[in-house]
Amino acid sequence: QVQLVESGGGLVQAGGSLRLSCLASGSTVSSYTMAWYRQAPGKQRELVARISTSGYAVYADSVKGRSTISRDNAKNTVSLQMNSLKSEDTGVYYCNADGSWNVGGNYWGQGTQVTVSS
């Protein structure tokens, strides 16, 4: 069982930066593909960025070039650095641990609100 807790959300002006963090407990996160999802009001949850167990990262087109996902297995954390924020980035951001490739399991954090003002 993996528990995920997000932090770092809040209100930020357009063009600013934000760093989201996800702390995992209950199990080592090194065996999981980690990802950040977000859900804007009235929209479906969407993938923002994903990082594999080997460190390979994939980004949604909307954030590519201005976002960086990283993981620190020793600290059991995954982070999302977002720069040049825009109003379209507003939403609840969720941390996800996906073990479908090996150990199994799929876990979600409670989410953290990100609001980008214009």
Protein backbone atom coordinates (compact mmCIF):
# COMPACT_ATOMS: atom_id res chain seq x y z
CA GLN A 1 0.00 0.00 0.00
CA VAL A 2 1.25 3.44 -0.97
CA GLN A 3 0.06 6.71 0.46
CA LEU A 4 0.66 9.86 -1.56
CA VAL A 5 0.49 13.42 -0.30
CA GLU A 6 0.81 16.41 -2.61
CA SER A 7 2.00 19.85 -1.63
CA GLY A 8 3.07 23.10 -3.24
CA GLY A 9 -0.18 24.16 -4.82
CA GLY A 10 -1.67 27.59 -4.45
CA LEU A 11 -2.40 30.82 -6.22
CA VAL A 12 0.16 32.10 -8.70
CA GLN A 13 0.16 34.82 -11.31
CA ALA A 14 0.29 34.01 -14.99
CA GLY A 15 3.88 33.77 -16.12
CA GLY A 16 5.03 32.65 -12.72
CA SER A 17 6.40 29.35 -11.53
CA LEU A 18 5.33 26.64 -9.15
CA ARG A 19 6.88 23.48 -7.82
CA LEU A 20 4.62 20.65 -6.76
CA SER A 21 5.87 17.84 -4.58
CA CYS A 22 4.51 14.41 -3.80
CA LEU A 23 5.65 12.47 -0.78
CA ALA A 24 5.07 8.72 -0.77
CA SER A 25 4.94 6.45 2.23
CA GLY A 26 4.07 2.85 2.98
CA SER A 27 6.32 1.45 0.29
CA THR A 28 9.35 2.40 -1.73
CA VAL A 29 8.40 4.38 -4.79
CA SER A 30 11.31 3.15 -6.89
CA SER A 31 9.25 0.34 -8.45
CA TYR A 32 6.46 2.61 -9.62
CA THR A 33 5.92 4.76 -12.63
CA MET A 34 5.10 8.16 -11.18
CA ALA A 35 2.91 10.77 -12.77
CA TRP A 36 1.11 14.04 -12.28
CA TYR A 37 -2.45 14.44 -13.47
CA ARG A 38 -4.72 17.43 -13.29
CA GLN A 39 -8.41 18.06 -13.50
CA ALA A 40 -9.81 21.42 -14.48
CA PRO A 41 -13.36 22.41 -13.56
CA GLY A 42 -15.84 20.66 -15.83
CA LYS A 43 -13.16 18.60 -17.53
CA GLN A 44 -11.83 15.08 -17.31
CA ARG A 45 -8.63 14.22 -15.52
CA GLU A 46 -5.66 14.46 -17.85
CA LEU A 47 -2.05 13.40 -17.74
CA VAL A 48 0.42 16.24 -17.25
CA ALA A 49 3.71 14.38 -16.97
CA ARG A 50 4.94 10.88 -16.28
CA ILE A 51 8.32 9.52 -15.31
CA SER A 52 9.30 5.87 -15.56
CA THR A 53 11.28 3.82 -13.09
CA SER A 54 14.34 4.44 -15.23
CA GLY A 55 13.83 8.19 -15.26
CA TYR A 56 12.36 8.62 -18.71
CA ALA A 57 9.86 11.47 -18.78
CA VAL A 58 6.86 12.14 -20.97
CA TYR A 59 4.90 15.39 -21.03
CA ALA A 60 1.57 16.55 -22.29
CA ASP A 61 1.92 18.83 -25.29
CA SER A 62 0.36 21.68 -23.36
CA VAL A 63 3.17 21.74 -20.80
CA LYS A 64 6.08 20.48 -22.85
CA GLY A 65 9.06 22.79 -22.74
CA ARG A 66 8.04 24.59 -19.58
CA SER A 67 7.64 21.72 -17.13
CA THR A 68 9.99 19.22 -15.59
CA ILE A 69 9.07 16.09 -13.68
CA SER A 70 11.68 14.52 -11.47
CA ARG A 71 11.92 11.80 -8.88
CA ASP A 72 14.08 11.20 -5.86
CA ASN A 73 13.77 7.56 -4.93
CA ALA A 74 15.92 7.96 -1.84
CA LYS A 75 13.43 10.48 -0.45
CA ASN A 76 10.37 8.77 -1.93
CA THR A 77 9.31 11.95 -3.69
CA VAL A 78 8.32 13.10 -7.12
CA SER A 79 8.15 16.74 -8.14
CA LEU A 80 6.74 18.82 -10.94
CA GLN A 81 8.36 22.14 -11.74
CA MET A 82 6.10 24.34 -13.83
CA ASN A 83 7.23 27.60 -15.38
CA SER A 84 5.50 30.22 -17.50
CA LEU A 85 2.19 29.30 -15.97
CA LYS A 86 -1.01 30.22 -17.74
CA SER A 87 -4.65 30.21 -16.80
CA GLU A 88 -5.17 26.90 -18.60
CA ASP A 89 -2.94 25.27 -16.00
CA THR A 90 -5.55 25.85 -13.33
CA GLY A 91 -6.91 22.71 -11.75
CA VAL A 92 -6.49 20.11 -9.07
CA TYR A 93 -3.21 18.28 -9.47
CA TYR A 94 -2.94 14.66 -8.42
CA CYS A 95 0.08 12.52 -7.81
CA ASN A 96 -0.13 8.96 -9.11
CA ALA A 97 1.90 5.81 -8.53
CA ASP A 98 1.37 3.11 -11.13
CA GLY A 99 2.76 -0.35 -10.59
CA SER A 100 1.09 -2.00 -13.56
CA TRP A 101 4.42 -2.60 -15.28
CA ASN A 102 5.80 -4.75 -12.48
CA VAL A 103 4.70 -4.77 -8.83
CA GLY A 104 1.05 -3.93 -9.43
CA GLY A 105 -1.16 -1.41 -7.72
CA ASN A 106 -2.37 2.04 -8.64
CA TYR A 107 -2.45 4.83 -6.07
CA TRP A 108 -3.57 8.43 -5.94
CA GLY A 109 -2.99 11.38 -3.71
CA GLN A 110 -5.74 13.65 -2.44
CA GLY A 111 -4.82 16.43 -4.83
CA THR A 112 -3.58 19.99 -4.50
CA GLN A 113 -5.25 23.02 -6.01
CA VAL A 114 -3.36 25.17 -8.48
CA THR A 115 -4.93 28.46 -9.51
CA VAL A 116 -3.27 30.68 -12.07
CA SER A 117 -4.53 34.24 -12.12
CA SER A 118 -4.44 36.44 -15.20
